[in-house]
Amino acid sequence: MDYLVIALVSVVIIALLCGYIKATKKQSSQAHKKGTSAAKTGVPSFSKCPLCDSLLDSKKGETIHSKVFRPMTVPDQRCNILGCPYCYPVVKPGVERRCPVCHKKVPLSGYLIARLFNKTEGNKHVHVIGCTECNRNGSKDI
């Protein structure tokens, strides 16, 4: 009899967890489709730094430091990604700056070279080309 009660309680807990996961995924996907930020819906909004792979919380104002060249009206711009609050301007203990292309260590004076694509719907897309370490001789197309 005890096993039956334990099994029934386990099934109920699993069903509740599945329902909660489905509800949060649905809420997040609806916010994405509508173009609203996840912060307004109560779902945490996280992104990752391409240099140190640290999680950034937009609610706390953690953003990536970058420099964008040319006017914002063109569809394709060059962009230098300097880092996030964990790896720029000072590298926090235990954080390592690595290029996602060549996987070499990027010094604090270095940065990632990227292309920023401005889409017509207001969304932006960033494509990392390399870093100052793997692009020293200009071997990659900038």
N, C-alpha and C. Protein backbone atom coordinates (compact mmCIF):
# COMPACT_ATOMS: atom_id res chain seq x y z
N MET A 1 0.83 -1.20 0.00
CA MET A 1 0.00 0.00 0.00
C MET A 1 0.87 1.26 0.00
N ASP A 2 1.98 1.21 0.76
CA ASP A 2 2.88 2.36 0.81
C ASP A 2 3.48 2.66 -0.56
N TYR A 3 3.82 1.64 -1.30
CA TYR A 3 4.41 1.85 -2.62
C TYR A 3 3.41 2.52 -3.57
N LEU A 4 2.15 2.17 -3.44
CA LEU A 4 1.12 2.75 -4.28
C LEU A 4 0.97 4.25 -4.01
N VAL A 5 1.01 4.65 -2.75
CA VAL A 5 0.91 6.06 -2.38
C VAL A 5 2.13 6.83 -2.89
N ILE A 6 3.31 6.26 -2.73
CA ILE A 6 4.54 6.91 -3.19
C ILE A 6 4.51 7.08 -4.71
N ALA A 7 4.06 6.06 -5.42
CA ALA A 7 3.98 6.13 -6.88
C ALA A 7 2.97 7.20 -7.31
N LEU A 8 1.84 7.28 -6.64
CA LEU A 8 0.81 8.26 -6.98
C LEU A 8 1.32 9.68 -6.74
N VAL A 9 1.99 9.91 -5.62
CA VAL A 9 2.55 11.23 -5.31
C VAL A 9 3.62 11.60 -6.34
N SER A 10 4.44 10.64 -6.74
CA SER A 10 5.48 10.89 -7.74
C SER A 10 4.88 11.30 -9.08
N VAL A 11 3.82 10.63 -9.50
CA VAL A 11 3.16 10.95 -10.76
C VAL A 11 2.57 12.36 -10.71
N VAL A 12 1.97 12.72 -9.59
CA VAL A 12 1.38 14.05 -9.45
C VAL A 12 2.47 15.13 -9.52
N ILE A 13 3.59 14.91 -8.85
CA ILE A 13 4.69 15.88 -8.86
C ILE A 13 5.26 16.04 -10.26
N ILE A 14 5.44 14.94 -10.96
CA ILE A 14 5.97 14.99 -12.33
C ILE A 14 4.99 15.73 -13.24
N ALA A 15 3.71 15.48 -13.11
CA ALA A 15 2.71 16.16 -13.93
C ALA A 15 2.72 17.67 -13.67
N LEU A 16 2.83 18.07 -12.42
CA LEU A 16 2.89 19.50 -12.08
C LEU A 16 4.14 20.15 -12.66
N LEU A 17 5.27 19.48 -12.57
CA LEU A 17 6.51 20.02 -13.13
C LEU A 17 6.42 20.16 -14.65
N CYS A 18 5.87 19.18 -15.32
CA CYS A 18 5.71 19.25 -16.77
C CYS A 18 4.79 20.40 -17.16
N GLY A 19 3.72 20.60 -16.44
CA GLY A 19 2.81 21.70 -16.71
C GLY A 19 3.48 23.05 -16.52
N TYR A 20 4.29 23.17 -15.48
CA TYR A 20 5.01 24.43 -15.23
C TYR A 20 6.02 24.72 -16.34
N ILE A 21 6.75 23.70 -16.78
CA ILE A 21 7.74 23.88 -17.84
C ILE A 21 7.06 24.28 -19.14
N LYS A 22 5.94 23.64 -19.47
CA LYS A 22 5.22 23.98 -20.70
C LYS A 22 4.70 25.41 -20.64
N ALA A 23 4.20 25.84 -19.47
CA ALA A 23 3.66 27.19 -19.34
C ALA A 23 4.76 28.24 -19.51
N THR A 24 5.93 28.02 -18.93
CA THR A 24 7.01 29.00 -19.06
C THR A 24 7.55 29.03 -20.48
N LYS A 25 7.63 27.89 -21.15
CA LYS A 25 8.09 27.87 -22.55
C LYS A 25 7.09 28.59 -23.44
N LYS A 26 5.80 28.37 -23.21
CA LYS A 26 4.76 29.01 -24.02
C LYS A 26 4.80 30.52 -23.80
N GLN A 27 4.97 30.95 -22.56
CA GLN A 27 5.02 32.38 -22.25
C GLN A 27 6.23 33.03 -22.89
N SER A 28 7.37 32.35 -22.85
CA SER A 28 8.59 32.88 -23.45
C SER A 28 8.48 32.95 -24.97
N SER A 29 7.91 31.91 -25.60
CA SER A 29 7.78 31.91 -27.05
C SER A 29 6.77 32.95 -27.52
N GLN A 30 5.71 33.17 -26.76
CA GLN A 30 4.73 34.20 -27.12
C GLN A 30 5.37 35.58 -27.04
N ALA A 31 6.19 35.81 -26.03
CA ALA A 31 6.87 37.10 -25.90
C ALA A 31 7.83 37.31 -27.05
N HIS A 32 8.50 36.24 -27.49
CA HIS A 32 9.44 36.34 -28.61
C HIS A 32 8.70 36.65 -29.91
N LYS A 33 7.56 35.99 -30.12
CA LYS A 33 6.78 36.22 -31.34
C LYS A 33 6.23 37.63 -31.39
N LYS A 34 5.79 38.15 -30.24
CA LYS A 34 5.21 39.48 -30.20
C LYS A 34 6.28 40.57 -30.24
N GLY A 35 7.53 40.19 -30.01
CA GLY A 35 8.60 41.17 -30.00
C GLY A 35 8.77 41.87 -28.67
N THR A 36 8.07 41.41 -27.64
CA THR A 36 8.23 42.01 -26.32
C THR A 36 9.39 41.37 -25.62
N SER A 37 9.98 42.09 -24.70
CA SER A 37 11.11 41.53 -23.97
C SER A 37 10.62 40.52 -22.96
N ALA A 38 11.48 39.58 -22.65
CA ALA A 38 11.12 38.55 -21.68
C ALA A 38 11.04 39.13 -20.29
N ALA A 39 11.67 40.27 -20.04
CA ALA A 39 11.62 40.89 -18.72
C ALA A 39 10.20 41.33 -18.38
N LYS A 40 9.42 41.74 -19.38
CA LYS A 40 8.05 42.17 -19.14
C LYS A 40 7.15 40.99 -18.79
N THR A 41 7.47 39.82 -19.26
CA THR A 41 6.63 38.65 -19.02
C THR A 41 6.99 37.91 -17.74
N GLY A 42 8.07 38.32 -17.08
CA GLY A 42 8.47 37.67 -15.85
C GLY A 42 9.47 36.56 -16.06
N VAL A 43 9.79 36.21 -17.30
CA VAL A 43 10.76 35.16 -17.58
C VAL A 43 12.14 35.82 -17.65
N PRO A 44 13.14 35.28 -16.94
CA PRO A 44 14.46 35.91 -16.98
C PRO A 44 15.04 35.93 -18.38
N SER A 45 15.72 37.03 -18.72
CA SER A 45 16.32 37.18 -20.04
C SER A 45 17.83 37.14 -19.88
N PHE A 46 18.44 36.10 -20.40
CA PHE A 46 19.89 35.94 -20.29
C PHE A 46 20.50 35.87 -21.68
N SER A 47 21.73 36.35 -21.78
CA SER A 47 22.52 36.17 -22.98
C SER A 47 23.94 35.84 -22.53
N LYS A 48 24.78 35.41 -23.45
CA LYS A 48 26.15 35.04 -23.10
C LYS A 48 27.14 35.97 -23.77
N CYS A 49 28.22 36.25 -23.07
CA CYS A 49 29.32 37.03 -23.63
C CYS A 49 30.08 36.12 -24.59
N PRO A 50 30.34 36.56 -25.83
CA PRO A 50 31.07 35.71 -26.77
C PRO A 50 32.54 35.53 -26.41
N LEU A 51 33.09 36.42 -25.59
CA LEU A 51 34.51 36.31 -25.20
C LEU A 51 34.73 35.37 -24.03
N CYS A 52 33.99 35.56 -22.94
CA CYS A 52 34.25 34.78 -21.72
C CYS A 52 33.15 33.77 -21.41
N ASP A 53 32.08 33.77 -22.19
CA ASP A 53 30.98 32.82 -22.04
C ASP A 53 30.23 32.98 -20.72
N SER A 54 30.28 34.18 -20.12
CA SER A 54 29.55 34.45 -18.88
C SER A 54 28.10 34.77 -19.19
N LEU A 55 27.19 34.33 -18.32
CA LEU A 55 25.78 34.65 -18.48
C LEU A 55 25.55 36.09 -18.07
N LEU A 56 24.84 36.85 -18.90
CA LEU A 56 24.53 38.24 -18.62
C LEU A 56 23.04 38.38 -18.39
N ASP A 57 22.66 39.09 -17.33
CA ASP A 57 21.27 39.30 -16.99
C ASP A 57 20.87 40.71 -17.41
N SER A 58 19.92 40.81 -18.33
CA SER A 58 19.51 42.13 -18.82
C SER A 58 18.76 42.91 -17.76
N LYS A 59 18.15 42.23 -16.79
CA LYS A 59 17.46 42.93 -15.71
C LYS A 59 18.44 43.71 -14.84
N LYS A 60 19.65 43.20 -14.70
CA LYS A 60 20.67 43.88 -13.90
C LYS A 60 21.44 44.90 -14.72
N GLY A 61 21.13 45.01 -16.00
CA GLY A 61 21.81 45.97 -16.86
C GLY A 61 23.16 45.49 -17.36
N GLU A 62 23.40 44.19 -17.32
CA GLU A 62 24.66 43.64 -17.81
C GLU A 62 24.60 43.53 -19.33
N THR A 63 25.47 44.27 -20.00
CA THR A 63 25.50 44.28 -21.46
C THR A 63 26.92 44.07 -21.96
N ILE A 64 27.04 43.84 -23.26
CA ILE A 64 28.34 43.65 -23.89
C ILE A 64 28.83 45.01 -24.38
N HIS A 65 30.09 45.33 -24.10
CA HIS A 65 30.70 46.57 -24.56
C HIS A 65 31.22 46.34 -25.98
N SER A 66 30.81 47.22 -26.91
CA SER A 66 31.24 47.06 -28.30
C SER A 66 31.35 48.43 -28.96
N LYS A 67 32.02 48.43 -30.10
CA LYS A 67 32.13 49.63 -30.94
C LYS A 67 31.60 49.27 -32.32
N VAL A 68 30.68 50.10 -32.82
CA VAL A 68 30.08 49.86 -34.12
C VAL A 68 30.53 50.98 -35.06
N PHE A 69 30.94 50.62 -36.27
CA PHE A 69 31.43 51.58 -37.24
C PHE A 69 30.40 51.82 -38.35
N ARG A 70 30.49 52.97 -38.97
CA ARG A 70 29.60 53.43 -40.05
C ARG A 70 28.23 53.81 -39.48
N PRO A 71 27.42 54.51 -40.25
CA PRO A 71 26.09 54.88 -39.76
C PRO A 71 25.19 53.67 -39.58
N MET A 72 24.19 53.80 -38.72
CA MET A 72 23.29 52.68 -38.40
C MET A 72 22.30 52.39 -39.53
N THR A 73 22.29 53.18 -40.59
CA THR A 73 21.30 52.99 -41.66
C THR A 73 21.71 51.92 -42.67
N VAL A 74 22.98 51.50 -42.65
CA VAL A 74 23.43 50.48 -43.60
C VAL A 74 23.10 49.09 -43.07
N PRO A 75 22.90 48.10 -43.95
CA PRO A 75 22.51 46.77 -43.48
C PRO A 75 23.66 45.95 -42.89
N ASP A 76 24.92 46.31 -43.18
CA ASP A 76 26.06 45.52 -42.73
C ASP A 76 27.13 46.47 -42.20
N GLN A 77 27.52 46.26 -40.94
CA GLN A 77 28.51 47.14 -40.31
C GLN A 77 29.60 46.31 -39.65
N ARG A 78 30.79 46.90 -39.54
CA ARG A 78 31.86 46.27 -38.78
C ARG A 78 31.62 46.60 -37.31
N CYS A 79 31.95 45.65 -36.45
CA CYS A 79 31.71 45.80 -35.02
C CYS A 79 32.88 45.18 -34.26
N ASN A 80 33.41 45.88 -33.27
CA ASN A 80 34.43 45.33 -32.38
C ASN A 80 33.79 45.04 -31.03
N ILE A 81 33.86 43.80 -30.59
CA ILE A 81 33.29 43.39 -29.30
C ILE A 81 34.41 43.38 -28.28
N LEU A 82 34.31 44.26 -27.29
CA LEU A 82 35.36 44.40 -26.29
C LEU A 82 35.20 43.44 -25.13
N GLY A 83 33.97 43.16 -24.71
CA GLY A 83 33.73 42.23 -23.61
C GLY A 83 32.50 42.61 -22.82
N CYS A 84 32.33 41.97 -21.67
CA CYS A 84 31.20 42.20 -20.79
C CYS A 84 31.71 42.71 -19.44
N PRO A 85 30.85 42.98 -18.47
CA PRO A 85 31.33 43.47 -17.17
C PRO A 85 32.26 42.48 -16.45
N TYR A 86 32.23 41.21 -16.83
CA TYR A 86 33.08 40.21 -16.18
C TYR A 86 34.48 40.11 -16.80
N CYS A 87 34.62 40.56 -18.06
CA CYS A 87 35.92 40.44 -18.72
C CYS A 87 36.45 41.74 -19.31
N TYR A 88 35.73 42.85 -19.15
CA TYR A 88 36.18 44.14 -19.65
C TYR A 88 35.59 45.25 -18.82
N PRO A 89 36.29 46.22 -18.38
CA PRO A 89 37.69 46.60 -18.60
C PRO A 89 38.67 45.84 -17.70
N VAL A 90 38.16 45.12 -16.70
CA VAL A 90 39.01 44.32 -15.82
C VAL A 90 38.49 42.89 -15.86
N VAL A 91 39.40 41.93 -16.00
CA VAL A 91 39.01 40.52 -16.02
C VAL A 91 38.83 40.04 -14.58
N LYS A 92 37.63 39.53 -14.27
CA LYS A 92 37.33 39.03 -12.93
C LYS A 92 38.07 37.71 -12.70
N PRO A 93 38.36 37.37 -11.44
CA PRO A 93 39.05 36.10 -11.15
C PRO A 93 38.25 34.90 -11.65
N GLY A 94 38.94 33.98 -12.28
CA GLY A 94 38.31 32.77 -12.79
C GLY A 94 37.70 32.91 -14.17
N VAL A 95 37.78 34.09 -14.76
CA VAL A 95 37.21 34.33 -16.09
C VAL A 95 38.33 34.35 -17.11
N GLU A 96 38.12 33.69 -18.23
CA GLU A 96 39.13 33.61 -19.28
C GLU A 96 38.54 34.10 -20.60
N ARG A 97 39.21 35.02 -21.25
CA ARG A 97 38.76 35.58 -22.54
C ARG A 97 39.31 34.72 -23.68
N ARG A 98 38.41 34.06 -24.43
CA ARG A 98 38.83 33.20 -25.55
C ARG A 98 38.02 33.54 -26.78
N CYS A 99 38.69 33.46 -27.94
CA CYS A 99 38.04 33.71 -29.22
C CYS A 99 37.17 32.50 -29.58
N PRO A 100 35.90 32.70 -29.97
CA PRO A 100 35.06 31.57 -30.35
C PRO A 100 35.44 30.96 -31.70
N VAL A 101 36.30 31.63 -32.47
CA VAL A 101 36.70 31.13 -33.79
C VAL A 101 37.98 30.29 -33.69
N CYS A 102 39.06 30.89 -33.15
CA CYS A 102 40.36 30.19 -33.10
C CYS A 102 40.65 29.57 -31.73
N HIS A 103 39.87 29.91 -30.71
CA HIS A 103 39.99 29.40 -29.35
C HIS A 103 41.29 29.82 -28.66
N LYS A 104 41.95 30.87 -29.17
CA LYS A 104 43.14 31.40 -28.51
C LYS A 104 42.71 32.37 -27.42
N LYS A 105 43.60 32.58 -26.44
CA LYS A 105 43.33 33.57 -25.41
C LYS A 105 43.41 34.96 -26.03
N VAL A 106 42.44 35.79 -25.71
CA VAL A 106 42.41 37.17 -26.20
C VAL A 106 42.86 38.08 -25.05
N PRO A 107 43.94 38.86 -25.25
CA PRO A 107 44.39 39.74 -24.16
C PRO A 107 43.39 40.86 -23.92
N LEU A 108 43.54 41.54 -22.78
CA LEU A 108 42.63 42.61 -22.43
C LEU A 108 42.67 43.74 -23.45
N SER A 109 43.81 43.92 -24.11
CA SER A 109 43.92 44.96 -25.14
C SER A 109 43.30 44.50 -26.47
N GLY A 110 42.94 43.22 -26.58
CA GLY A 110 42.36 42.67 -27.80
C GLY A 110 40.84 42.71 -27.78
N TYR A 111 40.25 42.31 -28.90
CA TYR A 111 38.80 42.31 -29.03
C TYR A 111 38.39 41.35 -30.13
N LEU A 112 37.09 41.10 -30.25
CA LEU A 112 36.55 40.28 -31.33
C LEU A 112 36.15 41.17 -32.49
N ILE A 113 36.39 40.71 -33.70
CA ILE A 113 35.99 41.42 -34.90
C ILE A 113 34.72 40.74 -35.41
N ALA A 114 33.68 41.52 -35.64
CA ALA A 114 32.39 40.94 -36.01
C ALA A 114 31.70 41.80 -37.06
N ARG A 115 30.66 41.24 -37.64
CA ARG A 115 29.78 41.95 -38.55
C ARG A 115 28.42 42.07 -37.87
N LEU A 116 27.85 43.26 -37.90
CA LEU A 116 26.53 43.52 -37.34
C LEU A 116 25.57 43.73 -38.49
N PHE A 117 24.54 42.88 -38.56
CA PHE A 117 23.54 42.96 -39.61
C PHE A 117 22.27 43.58 -39.04
N ASN A 118 21.87 44.71 -39.58
CA ASN A 118 20.64 45.39 -39.17
C ASN A 118 19.51 44.91 -40.06
N LYS A 119 18.60 44.15 -39.49
CA LYS A 119 17.46 43.65 -40.27
C LYS A 119 16.38 44.72 -40.33
N THR A 120 15.52 44.63 -41.30
CA THR A 120 14.48 45.63 -41.50
C THR A 120 13.44 45.62 -40.38
N GLU A 121 13.27 44.51 -39.70
CA GLU A 121 12.26 44.40 -38.65
C GLU A 121 12.77 44.89 -37.30
N GLY A 122 13.96 45.47 -37.26
CA GLY A 122 14.48 46.00 -36.01
C GLY A 122 15.40 45.05 -35.27
N ASN A 123 15.40 43.79 -35.61
CA ASN A 123 16.28 42.83 -34.96
C ASN A 123 17.69 42.96 -35.53
N LYS A 124 18.67 42.66 -34.71
CA LYS A 124 20.06 42.72 -35.16
C LYS A 124 20.68 41.33 -35.02
N HIS A 125 21.64 41.04 -35.89
CA HIS A 125 22.34 39.77 -35.86
C HIS A 125 23.83 40.05 -35.92
N VAL A 126 24.61 39.38 -35.07
CA VAL A 126 26.05 39.58 -35.03
C VAL A 126 26.74 38.28 -35.44
N HIS A 127 27.69 38.39 -36.36
CA HIS A 127 28.48 37.24 -36.81
C HIS A 127 29.95 37.52 -36.48
N VAL A 128 30.54 36.72 -35.58
CA VAL A 128 31.93 36.90 -35.18
C VAL A 128 32.84 36.32 -36.25
N ILE A 129 33.78 37.15 -36.74
CA ILE A 129 34.72 36.74 -37.78
C ILE A 129 35.99 36.18 -37.17
N GLY A 130 36.44 36.77 -36.10
CA GLY A 130 37.67 36.34 -35.44
C GLY A 130 38.05 37.31 -34.35
N CYS A 131 39.32 37.27 -33.96
CA CYS A 131 39.81 38.16 -32.91
C CYS A 131 41.07 38.85 -33.40
N THR A 132 41.63 39.69 -32.55
CA THR A 132 42.86 40.39 -32.92
C THR A 132 44.04 39.41 -32.95
N GLU A 133 43.92 38.27 -32.33
CA GLU A 133 45.00 37.28 -32.32
C GLU A 133 45.00 36.44 -33.60
N CYS A 134 43.85 36.00 -34.05
CA CYS A 134 43.81 35.14 -35.24
C CYS A 134 43.71 35.95 -36.53
N ASN A 135 43.57 37.25 -36.44
CA ASN A 135 43.45 38.08 -37.63
C ASN A 135 44.60 39.09 -37.71
N ARG A 136 45.73 38.75 -37.15
CA ARG A 136 46.89 39.66 -37.13
C ARG A 136 47.41 40.00 -38.51
N ASN A 137 47.47 39.01 -39.38
CA ASN A 137 48.03 39.23 -40.71
C ASN A 137 46.97 39.58 -41.73
N GLY A 138 45.74 39.79 -41.28
CA GLY A 138 44.67 40.13 -42.23
C GLY A 138 44.28 38.97 -43.11
N SER A 139 44.43 37.74 -42.59
CA SER A 139 44.15 36.56 -43.40
C SER A 139 42.66 36.33 -43.59
N LYS A 140 41.83 36.91 -42.73
CA LYS A 140 40.39 36.71 -42.86
C LYS A 140 39.75 37.95 -43.45
N ASP A 141 38.65 37.75 -44.12
CA ASP A 141 37.93 38.86 -44.75
C ASP A 141 37.23 39.69 -43.68
N ILE A 142 37.55 40.96 -43.65
CA ILE A 142 36.91 41.86 -42.69
C ILE A 142 35.95 42.67 -43.37
